[in-house]
Structures are given as C-alpha cells and as structure tokens.
C-alpha atoms as a PDB file:
ATOM      1  CA  MET A   1      -8.113   3.018 -15.111  1.00  0.00           C
ATOM      2  CA  LYS A   2      -9.328  -0.475 -13.710  1.00  0.00           C
ATOM      3  CA  VAL A   3      -8.461  -1.968 -10.390  1.00  0.00           C
ATOM      4  CA  THR A   4      -9.165  -5.307  -8.806  1.00  0.00           C
ATOM      5  CA  VAL A   5      -8.618  -5.932  -5.609  1.00  0.00           C
ATOM      6  CA  LEU A   6      -6.882  -9.624  -5.668  1.00  0.00           C
ATOM      7  CA  ILE A   7      -6.649  -9.739  -1.750  1.00  0.00           C
ATOM      8  CA  GLU A   8      -7.825  -7.390   1.534  1.00  0.00           C
ATOM      9  CA  ASN A   9      -8.784  -8.315   5.136  1.00  0.00           C
ATOM     10  CA  THR A  10     -12.487  -9.063   4.014  1.00  0.00           C
ATOM     11  CA  THR A  11     -14.338 -10.484   1.356  1.00  0.00           C
ATOM     12  CA  SER A  12     -17.903 -10.240   0.510  1.00  0.00           C
ATOM     13  CA  ARG A  13     -18.016 -13.103  -1.809  1.00  0.00           C
ATOM     14  CA  ASP A  14     -17.755 -16.726  -0.205  1.00  0.00           C
ATOM     15  CA  GLU A  15     -15.670 -18.098  -2.940  1.00  0.00           C
ATOM     16  CA  LEU A  16     -12.681 -15.775  -2.511  1.00  0.00           C
ATOM     17  CA  VAL A  17     -10.238 -16.149   0.220  1.00  0.00           C
ATOM     18  CA  CYS A  18      -9.233 -13.124   2.705  1.00  0.00           C
ATOM     19  CA  GLU A  19      -6.166 -12.498   4.445  1.00  0.00           C
ATOM     20  CA  HIS A  20      -4.432  -9.584   6.315  1.00  0.00           C
ATOM     21  CA  GLY A  21      -2.680  -8.261   3.258  1.00  0.00           C
ATOM     22  CA  LEU A  22      -3.405  -5.918   0.431  1.00  0.00           C
ATOM     23  CA  SER A  23      -2.937  -6.718  -3.557  1.00  0.00           C
ATOM     24  CA  LEU A  24      -4.249  -4.747  -6.703  1.00  0.00           C
ATOM     25  CA  LEU A  25      -4.269  -4.968 -10.106  1.00  0.00           C
ATOM     26  CA  ILE A  26      -4.029  -2.058 -11.961  1.00  0.00           C
ATOM     27  CA  GLU A  27      -5.159  -1.970 -15.569  1.00  0.00           C
ATOM     28  CA  ALA A  28      -4.551   1.733 -17.110  1.00  0.00           C
ATOM     29  CA  ASN A  29      -1.950   3.680 -20.020  1.00  0.00           C
ATOM     30  CA  ASP A  30      -2.099   0.079 -21.879  1.00  0.00           C
ATOM     31  CA  LYS A  31      -0.426  -1.417 -19.273  1.00  0.00           C
ATOM     32  CA  LYS A  32      -0.835  -4.156 -16.381  1.00  0.00           C
ATOM     33  CA  ILE A  33       0.710  -3.489 -12.950  1.00  0.00           C
ATOM     34  CA  LEU A  34       0.367  -5.617  -9.816  1.00  0.00           C
ATOM     35  CA  LEU A  35       0.962  -3.549  -6.626  1.00  0.00           C
ATOM     36  CA  ASP A  36       1.772  -6.076  -4.014  1.00  0.00           C
ATOM     37  CA  ALA A  37       0.841  -9.766  -3.771  1.00  0.00           C
ATOM     38  CA  GLY A  38      -0.635  -9.925  -0.203  1.00  0.00           C
ATOM     39  CA  SER A  39       0.690 -12.489   2.760  1.00  0.00           C
ATOM     40  CA  SER A  40       0.688 -15.799   0.520  1.00  0.00           C
ATOM     41  CA  GLU A  41      -0.433 -17.059  -3.155  1.00  0.00           C
ATOM     42  CA  ALA A  42      -4.004 -16.491  -1.559  1.00  0.00           C
ATOM     43  CA  PHE A  43      -4.408 -13.448  -4.225  1.00  0.00           C
ATOM     44  CA  TYR A  44      -3.052 -15.702  -7.024  1.00  0.00           C
ATOM     45  CA  LYS A  45      -6.047 -18.325  -6.525  1.00  0.00           C
ATOM     46  CA  ASN A  46      -8.507 -15.411  -5.998  1.00  0.00           C
ATOM     47  CA  ALA A  47      -7.438 -13.744  -9.436  1.00  0.00           C
ATOM     48  CA  MET A  48      -8.066 -17.082 -11.201  1.00  0.00           C
ATOM     49  CA  LEU A  49     -11.428 -17.509  -9.479  1.00  0.00           C
ATOM     50  CA  MET A  50     -12.357 -14.321 -10.876  1.00  0.00           C
ATOM     51  CA  GLY A  51     -11.109 -14.860 -13.929  1.00  0.00           C
ATOM     52  CA  VAL A  52      -8.316 -12.662 -13.756  1.00  0.00           C
ATOM     53  CA  ASP A  53      -5.308 -13.135 -16.463  1.00  0.00           C
ATOM     54  CA  LEU A  54      -1.834 -12.470 -14.424  1.00  0.00           C
ATOM     55  CA  SER A  55       0.069 -14.108 -16.959  1.00  0.00           C
ATOM     56  CA  ASP A  56       0.422 -10.728 -19.147  1.00  0.00           C
ATOM     57  CA  ILE A  57       0.938  -8.430 -16.269  1.00  0.00           C
ATOM     58  CA  ASP A  58       3.818  -6.182 -17.607  1.00  0.00           C
ATOM     59  CA  THR A  59       5.572  -4.996 -14.052  1.00  0.00           C
ATOM     60  CA  CYS A  60       4.898  -5.827  -9.915  1.00  0.00           C
ATOM     61  CA  VAL A  61       5.493  -3.052  -7.504  1.00  0.00           C
ATOM     62  CA  LEU A  62       6.266  -3.561  -3.913  1.00  0.00           C
ATOM     63  CA  SER A  63       4.708  -0.923  -1.927  1.00  0.00           C
ATOM     64  CA  HIS A  64       6.973  -1.379   1.110  1.00  0.00           C
ATOM     65  CA  GLY A  65       9.449  -4.535   2.818  1.00  0.00           C
ATOM     66  CA  HIS A  66       6.290  -6.118   4.437  1.00  0.00           C
ATOM     67  CA  TYR A  67       5.281  -9.824   4.426  1.00  0.00           C
ATOM     68  CA  ASP A  68       1.569  -8.984   4.253  1.00  0.00           C
ATOM     69  CA  HIS A  69       2.549  -7.281   1.021  1.00  0.00           C
ATOM     70  CA  SER A  70       4.977  -9.370  -0.526  1.00  0.00           C
ATOM     71  CA  GLY A  71       4.583 -13.266   0.685  1.00  0.00           C
ATOM     72  CA  GLY A  72       2.840 -13.991  -2.547  1.00  0.00           C
ATOM     73  CA  PHE A  73       5.551 -12.928  -5.088  1.00  0.00           C
ATOM     74  CA  THR A  74       6.665 -16.606  -5.145  1.00  0.00           C
ATOM     75  CA  ALA A  75       3.442 -17.403  -7.457  1.00  0.00           C
ATOM     76  CA  ILE A  76       4.277 -14.470  -9.798  1.00  0.00           C
ATOM     77  CA  PHE A  77       7.749 -15.606  -9.636  1.00  0.00           C
ATOM     78  CA  GLU A  78       6.741 -19.539 -10.429  1.00  0.00           C
ATOM     79  CA  ASN A  79       4.063 -18.746 -13.128  1.00  0.00           C
ATOM     80  CA  ASN A  80       4.928 -15.475 -15.065  1.00  0.00           C
ATOM     81  CA  GLY A  81       8.431 -16.204 -16.611  1.00  0.00           C
ATOM     82  CA  SER A  82      10.980 -12.886 -16.162  1.00  0.00           C
ATOM     83  CA  VAL A  83       8.414 -10.251 -14.762  1.00  0.00           C
ATOM     84  CA  THR A  84      10.032  -8.231 -12.326  1.00  0.00           C
ATOM     85  CA  VAL A  85       9.231  -6.600  -9.092  1.00  0.00           C
ATOM     86  CA  TYR A  86      10.397  -2.618  -8.232  1.00  0.00           C
ATOM     87  CA  VAL A  87      11.267  -2.294  -4.695  1.00  0.00           C
ATOM     88  CA  ALA A  88      12.329   1.233  -2.921  1.00  0.00           C
ATOM     89  CA  LYS A  89      15.845   1.126  -1.367  1.00  0.00           C
ATOM     90  CA  ASN A  90      16.102  -1.152   1.719  1.00  0.00           C
ATOM     91  CA  ALA A  91      12.628  -2.887   1.082  1.00  0.00           C
ATOM     92  CA  LEU A  92      14.550  -5.814   0.905  1.00  0.00           C
ATOM     93  CA  LEU A  93      16.075  -5.533   4.592  1.00  0.00           C
ATOM     94  CA  ASP A  94      14.906  -7.063   7.999  1.00  0.00           C
ATOM     95  CA  TYR A  95      11.814  -5.211   9.899  1.00  0.00           C
ATOM     96  CA  TYR A  96       9.773  -5.678  13.026  1.00  0.00           C
ATOM     97  CA  SER A  97       6.911  -4.901  14.931  1.00  0.00           C
ATOM     98  CA  GLY A  98       6.794  -4.377  18.517  1.00  0.00           C
ATOM     99  CA  SER A  99       2.640  -4.749  18.797  1.00  0.00           C
ATOM    100  CA  GLY A 100       2.621  -7.784  21.263  1.00  0.00           C
ATOM    101  CA  THR A 101       5.876  -9.393  21.336  1.00  0.00           C
ATOM    102  CA  MET A 102       8.539  -8.037  18.869  1.00  0.00           C
ATOM    103  CA  HIS A 103       8.166 -10.433  15.498  1.00  0.00           C
ATOM    104  CA  ASP A 104       9.797 -10.207  12.287  1.00  0.00           C
ATOM    105  CA  ILE A 105       7.541  -8.476   9.509  1.00  0.00           C
ATOM    106  CA  SER A 106      10.034  -8.365   6.627  1.00  0.00           C
ATOM    107  CA  VAL A 107       9.697  -9.786   3.357  1.00  0.00           C
ATOM    108  CA  PRO A 108       9.864 -13.718   3.509  1.00  0.00           C
ATOM    109  CA  LYS A 109      13.013 -15.272   2.748  1.00  0.00           C
ATOM    110  CA  ASP A 110      12.109 -17.296  -0.188  1.00  0.00           C
ATOM    111  CA  VAL A 111      10.987 -14.187  -1.877  1.00  0.00           C
ATOM    112  CA  ARG A 112      13.921 -12.018  -0.859  1.00  0.00           C
ATOM    113  CA  ASN A 113      16.215 -15.006  -2.186  1.00  0.00           C
ATOM    114  CA  GLN A 114      14.501 -14.385  -5.748  1.00  0.00           C
ATOM    115  CA  SER A 115      17.338 -11.082  -5.957  1.00  0.00           C
ATOM    116  CA  ASP A 116      17.339 -11.408  -9.796  1.00  0.00           C
ATOM    117  CA  ARG A 117      13.321 -10.624 -10.078  1.00  0.00           C
ATOM    118  CA  PHE A 118      14.107  -7.280  -8.366  1.00  0.00           C
ATOM    119  CA  VAL A 119      14.698  -3.531  -9.436  1.00  0.00           C
ATOM    120  CA  CYS A 120      15.854  -1.107  -6.768  1.00  0.00           C
ATOM    121  CA  ALA A 121      14.151   2.124  -7.535  1.00  0.00           C
ATOM    122  CA  GLU A 122      16.382   4.995  -5.920  1.00  0.00           C
ATOM    123  CA  GLY A 123      14.738   8.375  -5.839  1.00  0.00           C
ATOM    124  CA  PHE A 124      11.686   9.487  -7.880  1.00  0.00           C
ATOM    125  CA  ALA A 125      11.448   7.012 -11.231  1.00  0.00           C
ATOM    126  CA  GLU A 126       8.973   7.100 -14.485  1.00  0.00           C
ATOM    127  CA  ILE A 127       8.871   3.472 -15.067  1.00  0.00           C
ATOM    128  CA  TYR A 128       6.717   3.833 -18.175  1.00  0.00           C
ATOM    129  CA  LYS A 129       5.310   6.962 -19.623  1.00  0.00           C
ATOM    130  CA  GLY A 130       2.822   8.838 -17.016  1.00  0.00           C
ATOM    131  CA  ILE A 131       3.432   6.397 -13.979  1.00  0.00           C
ATOM    132  CA  TYR A 132       6.020   6.740 -11.553  1.00  0.00           C
ATOM    133  CA  LEU A 133       7.150   5.623  -7.984  1.00  0.00           C
ATOM    134  CA  VAL A 134       7.765   8.571  -5.478  1.00  0.00           C
ATOM    135  CA  PRO A 135       9.666   7.543  -2.413  1.00  0.00           C
ATOM    136  CA  HIS A 136       9.613   9.184   1.166  1.00  0.00           C
ATOM    137  CA  SER A 137      11.581  12.576   0.914  1.00  0.00           C
ATOM    138  CA  THR A 138      10.263  13.698   4.732  1.00  0.00           C
ATOM    139  CA  ASN A 139      12.428  13.842   7.407  1.00  0.00           C
ATOM    140  CA  GLY A 140      11.421  12.483  10.820  1.00  0.00           C
ATOM    141  CA  LEU A 141       9.155  10.032  10.210  1.00  0.00           C
ATOM    142  CA  GLU A 142      10.991   7.883  12.719  1.00  0.00           C
ATOM    143  CA  SER A 143       8.981   9.309  15.334  1.00  0.00           C
ATOM    144  CA  ILE A 144       5.709   7.486  13.349  1.00  0.00           C
ATOM    145  CA  GLY A 145       7.676   4.357  13.469  1.00  0.00           C
ATOM    146  CA  ALA A 146       8.170   4.940  17.268  1.00  0.00           C
ATOM    147  CA  ARG A 147       4.432   5.641  18.045  1.00  0.00           C
ATOM    148  CA  THR A 148       3.396   2.668  16.093  1.00  0.00           C
ATOM    149  CA  SER A 149       6.144   0.046  17.521  1.00  0.00           C
ATOM    150  CA  LEU A 150       7.746  -0.478  13.705  1.00  0.00           C
ATOM    151  CA  TYR A 151      11.030  -1.019  13.594  1.00  0.00           C
ATOM    152  CA  LYS A 152      14.103  -1.353  11.577  1.00  0.00           C
ATOM    153  CA  CYS A 153      17.406  -3.223  11.964  1.00  0.00           C
ATOM    154  CA  VAL A 154      20.444  -1.549  11.168  1.00  0.00           C
ATOM    155  CA  ASP A 155      23.943  -2.763  11.924  1.00  0.00           C
ATOM    156  CA  GLY A 156      21.959  -5.354  14.139  1.00  0.00           C
ATOM    157  CA  ASN A 157      20.795  -2.328  16.093  1.00  0.00           C
ATOM    158  CA  ILE A 158      16.773  -2.540  16.337  1.00  0.00           C
ATOM    159  CA  LEU A 159      15.964   1.381  15.728  1.00  0.00           C
ATOM    160  CA  PRO A 160      12.142   3.414  14.983  1.00  0.00           C
ATOM    161  CA  ASP A 161      11.284   2.591  11.265  1.00  0.00           C
ATOM    162  CA  ASP A 162      11.472   5.920   9.054  1.00  0.00           C
ATOM    163  CA  PHE A 163       9.591   3.864   6.195  1.00  0.00           C
ATOM    164  CA  MET A 164      12.886   5.135   3.827  1.00  0.00           C
ATOM    165  CA  HIS A 165      11.665   1.427   1.951  1.00  0.00           C
ATOM    166  CA  GLU A 166       7.948   2.926   1.478  1.00  0.00           C
ATOM    167  CA  GLN A 167       6.918   4.090  -2.201  1.00  0.00           C
ATOM    168  CA  SER A 168       4.147   5.195  -3.780  1.00  0.00           C
ATOM    169  CA  LEU A 169       3.046   4.446  -7.473  1.00  0.00           C
ATOM    170  CA  VAL A 170       1.625   7.436  -9.004  1.00  0.00           C
ATOM    171  CA  TYR A 171      -0.608   8.118 -12.145  1.00  0.00           C
ATOM    172  CA  ASP A 172      -0.334  11.401 -14.138  1.00  0.00           C
ATOM    173  CA  THR A 173      -3.928  11.434 -15.685  1.00  0.00           C
ATOM    174  CA  GLU A 174      -6.288  14.030 -17.120  1.00  0.00           C
ATOM    175  CA  LYS A 175      -8.330  14.362 -14.049  1.00  0.00           C
ATOM    176  CA  GLY A 176      -5.531  14.422 -11.535  1.00  0.00           C
ATOM    177  CA  LEU A 177      -2.915  12.445  -9.856  1.00  0.00           C
ATOM    178  CA  ILE A 178      -4.044   8.717  -8.987  1.00  0.00           C
ATOM    179  CA  ILE A 179      -1.809   7.763  -5.777  1.00  0.00           C
ATOM    180  CA  PHE A 180      -1.800   4.564  -4.698  1.00  0.00           C
ATOM    181  CA  ASN A 181       0.530   3.804  -1.256  1.00  0.00           C
ATOM    182  CA  SER A 182      -0.534   0.596   0.110  1.00  0.00           C
ATOM    183  CA  CYS A 183      -0.147   1.074   3.928  1.00  0.00           C
ATOM    184  CA  SER A 184       0.579   4.709   4.053  1.00  0.00           C
ATOM    185  CA  HIS A 185       3.002   4.534   7.106  1.00  0.00           C
ATOM    186  CA  GLY A 186       4.856   8.220   6.299  1.00  0.00           C
ATOM    187  CA  GLY A 187       1.798   9.568   6.816  1.00  0.00           C
ATOM    188  CA  VAL A 188      -1.420  10.702   4.425  1.00  0.00           C
ATOM    189  CA  MET A 189      -0.634  14.419   4.320  1.00  0.00           C
ATOM    190  CA  ASN A 190       3.640  13.830   3.958  1.00  0.00           C
ATOM    191  CA  ILE A 191       2.804  11.424   0.898  1.00  0.00           C
ATOM    192  CA  VAL A 192       0.621  13.729  -0.833  1.00  0.00           C
ATOM    193  CA  ASN A 193       3.302  16.503  -0.483  1.00  0.00           C
ATOM    194  CA  GLU A 194       5.797  14.559  -1.534  1.00  0.00           C
ATOM    195  CA  VAL A 195       3.988  13.123  -4.660  1.00  0.00           C
ATOM    196  CA  ARG A 196       2.295  16.897  -5.616  1.00  0.00           C
ATOM    197  CA  ALA A 197       6.403  18.563  -5.006  1.00  0.00           C
ATOM    198  CA  ALA A 198       7.486  15.524  -7.006  1.00  0.00           C
ATOM    199  CA  CYS A 199       4.612  15.847 -10.068  1.00  0.00           C
ATOM    200  CA  ASN A 200       4.772  19.309 -10.768  1.00  0.00           C
ATOM    201  CA  ASN A 201       2.212  20.641  -7.969  1.00  0.00           C
ATOM    202  CA  LYS A 202      -0.845  18.929  -9.692  1.00  0.00           C
ATOM    203  CA  PRO A 203      -4.057  18.295  -8.068  1.00  0.00           C
ATOM    204  CA  VAL A 204      -4.329  14.621  -6.734  1.00  0.00           C
ATOM    205  CA  TYR A 205      -7.993  13.092  -7.995  1.00  0.00           C
ATOM    206  CA  ALA A 206      -7.639  10.124  -5.963  1.00  0.00           C
ATOM    207  CA  TYR A 207      -5.816   7.980  -3.188  1.00  0.00           C
ATOM    208  CA  ILE A 208      -6.162   4.292  -2.661  1.00  0.00           C
ATOM    209  CA  GLY A 209      -4.642   2.155   0.333  1.00  0.00           C
ATOM    210  CA  GLY A 210      -4.702   1.337   3.569  1.00  0.00           C
ATOM    211  CA  LEU A 211      -4.095   4.293   6.084  1.00  0.00           C
ATOM    212  CA  HIS A 212      -2.642   2.527   9.301  1.00  0.00           C
ATOM    213  CA  MET A 213      -4.811   3.577  11.682  1.00  0.00           C
ATOM    214  CA  LYS A 214      -5.726   0.249  12.668  1.00  0.00           C
ATOM    215  CA  GLY A 215      -4.754  -0.919  16.455  1.00  0.00           C
ATOM    216  CA  LYS A 216      -5.359  -3.112  19.523  1.00  0.00           C
ATOM    217  CA  GLU A 217      -6.379  -2.312  23.451  1.00  0.00           C
ATOM    218  CA  ALA A 218      -7.489  -5.091  25.724  1.00  0.00           C
ATOM    219  CA  GLY A 219      -8.078  -7.413  22.775  1.00  0.00           C
ATOM    220  CA  GLN A 220     -10.552  -4.992  21.134  1.00  0.00           C
ATOM    221  CA  GLU A 221      -9.760  -3.290  17.819  1.00  0.00           C
ATOM    222  CA  ILE A 222      -9.440   0.524  18.106  1.00  0.00           C
ATOM    223  CA  CYS A 223      -8.167   3.623  16.137  1.00  0.00           C
ATOM    224  CA  ILE A 224      -4.673   4.672  17.189  1.00  0.00           C
ATOM    225  CA  PHE A 225      -5.894   8.291  15.880  1.00  0.00           C
ATOM    226  CA  SER A 226      -7.155  10.849  18.263  1.00  0.00           C
ATOM    227  CA  ASP A 227     -10.384  12.633  17.446  1.00  0.00           C
ATOM    228  CA  SER A 228      -8.329  15.874  16.324  1.00  0.00           C
ATOM    229  CA  GLU A 229      -5.961  14.102  13.957  1.00  0.00           C
ATOM    230  CA  ILE A 230      -8.508  12.211  11.908  1.00  0.00           C
ATOM    231  CA  ASP A 231     -10.251  15.719  12.036  1.00  0.00           C
ATOM    232  CA  GLU A 232      -7.168  17.166  10.678  1.00  0.00           C
ATOM    233  CA  LEU A 233      -6.609  14.426   8.524  1.00  0.00           C
ATOM    234  CA  CYS A 234     -10.313  14.692   7.221  1.00  0.00           C
ATOM    235  CA  LYS A 235     -10.057  18.694   7.149  1.00  0.00           C
ATOM    236  CA  TYR A 236      -7.000  18.231   4.628  1.00  0.00           C
ATOM    237  CA  ILE A 237      -8.588  15.779   2.262  1.00  0.00           C
ATOM    238  CA  SER A 238     -10.999  18.563   1.974  1.00  0.00           C
ATOM    239  CA  ASP A 239      -8.627  21.415   1.230  1.00  0.00           C
ATOM    240  CA  MET A 240      -6.912  19.673  -1.153  1.00  0.00           C
ATOM    241  CA  GLN A 241     -10.184  18.491  -2.922  1.00  0.00           C
ATOM    242  CA  ILE A 242      -9.615  14.775  -3.291  1.00  0.00           C
ATOM    243  CA  LYS A 243     -12.380  13.281  -4.851  1.00  0.00           C
ATOM    244  CA  TYR A 244     -12.021   9.542  -3.607  1.00  0.00           C
ATOM    245  CA  VAL A 245     -10.355   8.146  -1.075  1.00  0.00           C
ATOM    246  CA  TYR A 246     -10.307   4.043  -1.650  1.00  0.00           C
ATOM    247  CA  THR A 247      -8.937   2.456   1.879  1.00  0.00           C
ATOM    248  CA  GLY A 248      -9.127  -0.750   4.024  1.00  0.00           C
ATOM    249  CA  HIS A 249      -6.549  -3.196   5.189  1.00  0.00           C
ATOM    250  CA  CYS A 250      -4.553  -1.207   8.041  1.00  0.00           C
ATOM    251  CA  THR A 251      -7.352   1.218   8.325  1.00  0.00           C
ATOM    252  CA  GLY A 252      -9.463  -0.702  10.784  1.00  0.00           C
ATOM    253  CA  SER A 253     -13.048  -0.608  10.979  1.00  0.00           C
ATOM    254  CA  ALA A 254     -13.033   1.792  13.995  1.00  0.00           C
ATOM    255  CA  ALA A 255     -11.164   4.387  11.762  1.00  0.00           C
ATOM    256  CA  MET A 256     -13.528   4.075   8.976  1.00  0.00           C
ATOM    257  CA  THR A 257     -16.371   4.689  10.853  1.00  0.00           C
ATOM    258  CA  LYS A 258     -14.868   7.970  12.230  1.00  0.00           C
ATOM    259  CA  LEU A 259     -13.555   9.046   8.245  1.00  0.00           C
ATOM    260  CA  THR A 260     -17.252   8.207   6.742  1.00  0.00           C
ATOM    261  CA  ASP A 261     -18.710  10.142   9.395  1.00  0.00           C
ATOM    262  CA  ARG A 262     -16.582  13.261   7.991  1.00  0.00           C
ATOM    263  CA  LEU A 263     -15.841  12.463   4.539  1.00  0.00           C
ATOM    264  CA  GLY A 264     -19.180  10.831   3.693  1.00  0.00           C
ATOM    265  CA  SER A 265     -19.805   8.143   1.393  1.00  0.00           C
ATOM    266  CA  GLU A 266     -19.102   9.542  -1.986  1.00  0.00           C
ATOM    267  CA  CYS A 267     -15.790  10.235  -0.825  1.00  0.00           C
ATOM    268  CA  LEU A 268     -14.493   7.381   1.410  1.00  0.00           C
ATOM    269  CA  LYS A 269     -14.481   3.716  -0.379  1.00  0.00           C
ATOM    270  CA  SER A 270     -13.989   0.549   0.985  1.00  0.00           C
ATOM    271  CA  LEU A 271     -11.636  -1.689  -0.270  1.00  0.00           C
ATOM    272  CA  THR A 272     -12.687  -5.289   0.001  1.00  0.00           C
ATOM    273  CA  THR A 273     -11.539  -8.259  -1.706  1.00  0.00           C
ATOM    274  CA  GLY A 274     -13.038  -9.048  -5.207  1.00  0.00           C
ATOM    275  CA  LEU A 275     -13.660  -5.741  -5.595  1.00  0.00           C
ATOM    276  CA  VAL A 276     -13.549  -3.748  -8.843  1.00  0.00           C
ATOM    277  CA  PHE A 277     -13.905  -0.195  -9.539  1.00  0.00           C
ATOM    278  CA  GLU A 278     -12.752   2.225 -12.104  1.00  0.00           C
ATOM    279  CA  LEU A 279     -11.605   6.127 -12.066  1.00  0.00           C
END
C-alpha cells in the first residue's frame, strides 16, 4: 500500500501549498482511491507538482461532511469524467462549529450541488474486494459533539453532532486491518472497536488520520485531551498492538508532543503535505 498526502495543515516542501484540510491518495489492491479533497483545489495543484496522476483514480471517499475534507472535489468533478464519491448517510446536510462564533462547516454548496457524483453508502459496505466503508455504530456520540462544540442541523434545530456522517475507510491486509479515519471525531477507541466488530475482530495494523485533539485557549493552541485521557488512549493503542499511527491535521502539535512521549516515534508518525509512505 502506498499513501500520498496531497494536502495537510503543514508542509516541509516549499513548492507545495498547505491548508487546513486533508487529502490522501491510497494505492492498494490495484485500486487508486482518493480519500477527501481538502478545503480547496490546492490538493489537485500539489498533485500536479508532485507528478501524481489523478486522472485515473477509481473512486473517491468523503470521510465526513465538513468543508475542509470536501471543498476540493470541484477539481475532481471538472477533471475526472464520471468518477463518484462515496459518502455516509447525512454527509451532505448542514454542520456547524461553535468554536469562536457559530459558523457553517458543511460541505460547500457548489460541491453538494453535484448530486449525481455522490453514492450514499448506508451501513457497512465492501466497495472493492477487501476494501470497506464502516460507519459509526456506537451510541451516545453526541456527548463528544457537545464537548467539542460541533453541531448538526435537524429540522431547523441545532443539536450536538453524533457524527453519524463519519465513516472509516478500511483495508483488510495480510498484516491486519488498516484504518483511515480522517478526523476520528467519534473517538479512536470507538472507531477501532467498530471496525474490528465489522471485520471479524481481526487485528489492526495501522491507523491513519487526524485525532481531533486540537483546541484553542487565550489564542494559543492546546490539547483538549487531559493527560489521563491521553494515557488511556495510548494504553489502548499499545494493548491492541497497533504498529503504526500516522496522524496530523486536527491532532495538533501540543497533542503530538504528548503522544510521541508515550507511544514513541517508531509507532507515531506525522502526516504532512507531500509525504509518501508505504505500509
């Protein structure tokens, strides 16, 4: 499996653009899958600069219904014929963040208007042999939405988000399951448990995506997880014998420092624009 980070919040290459967003190109099982498309068309420009051909991708997956993972799909729609995007149920509804002033973080309207390009995957779905989409099945996730000030609009009412529009892209490999969940809003432990339950309790080899641990306080970036919560998460990752965790985007530098201290650099790897790695 080859993974190319087309856009992320950071970059170590001067010629590439970074932005608040995430887009990964995953090449495995003779398939090229684009997971998310960042906030804008910048990921597509980065791909061209990197010599990455996006004209022959087999399909796209949207991890959840937020703008910073979907805004760039207009570039795919304009340049890639009839390629479609798998979305979870309700991914194209209205979502809000209460961080600062309440503001819209939904999939942009110009993307949503291309309704013929979306395929709704309701429930567990095998999109190719050994490649699955796994939605949330854990109850009570709205408590996480309330804690993180993330909301959904239901019949005109603003309610804490239960993240039922979020899904994991999962590969069943000889080394174990490889889980991609771009923001992990529902919690890494919940997500891993859900995926394993859907995939015959197979071991997890790697977990790739943001961990939604970044916040702000008095204008400074903070980690919103307590030390005990970080200890619990890292113990879980160790107990589950997850060999690699590639993370970035909404994890934040403060959390990365604490995670690295506990997990070590052999396990914890940083996602950054332009990074190419193999699993």
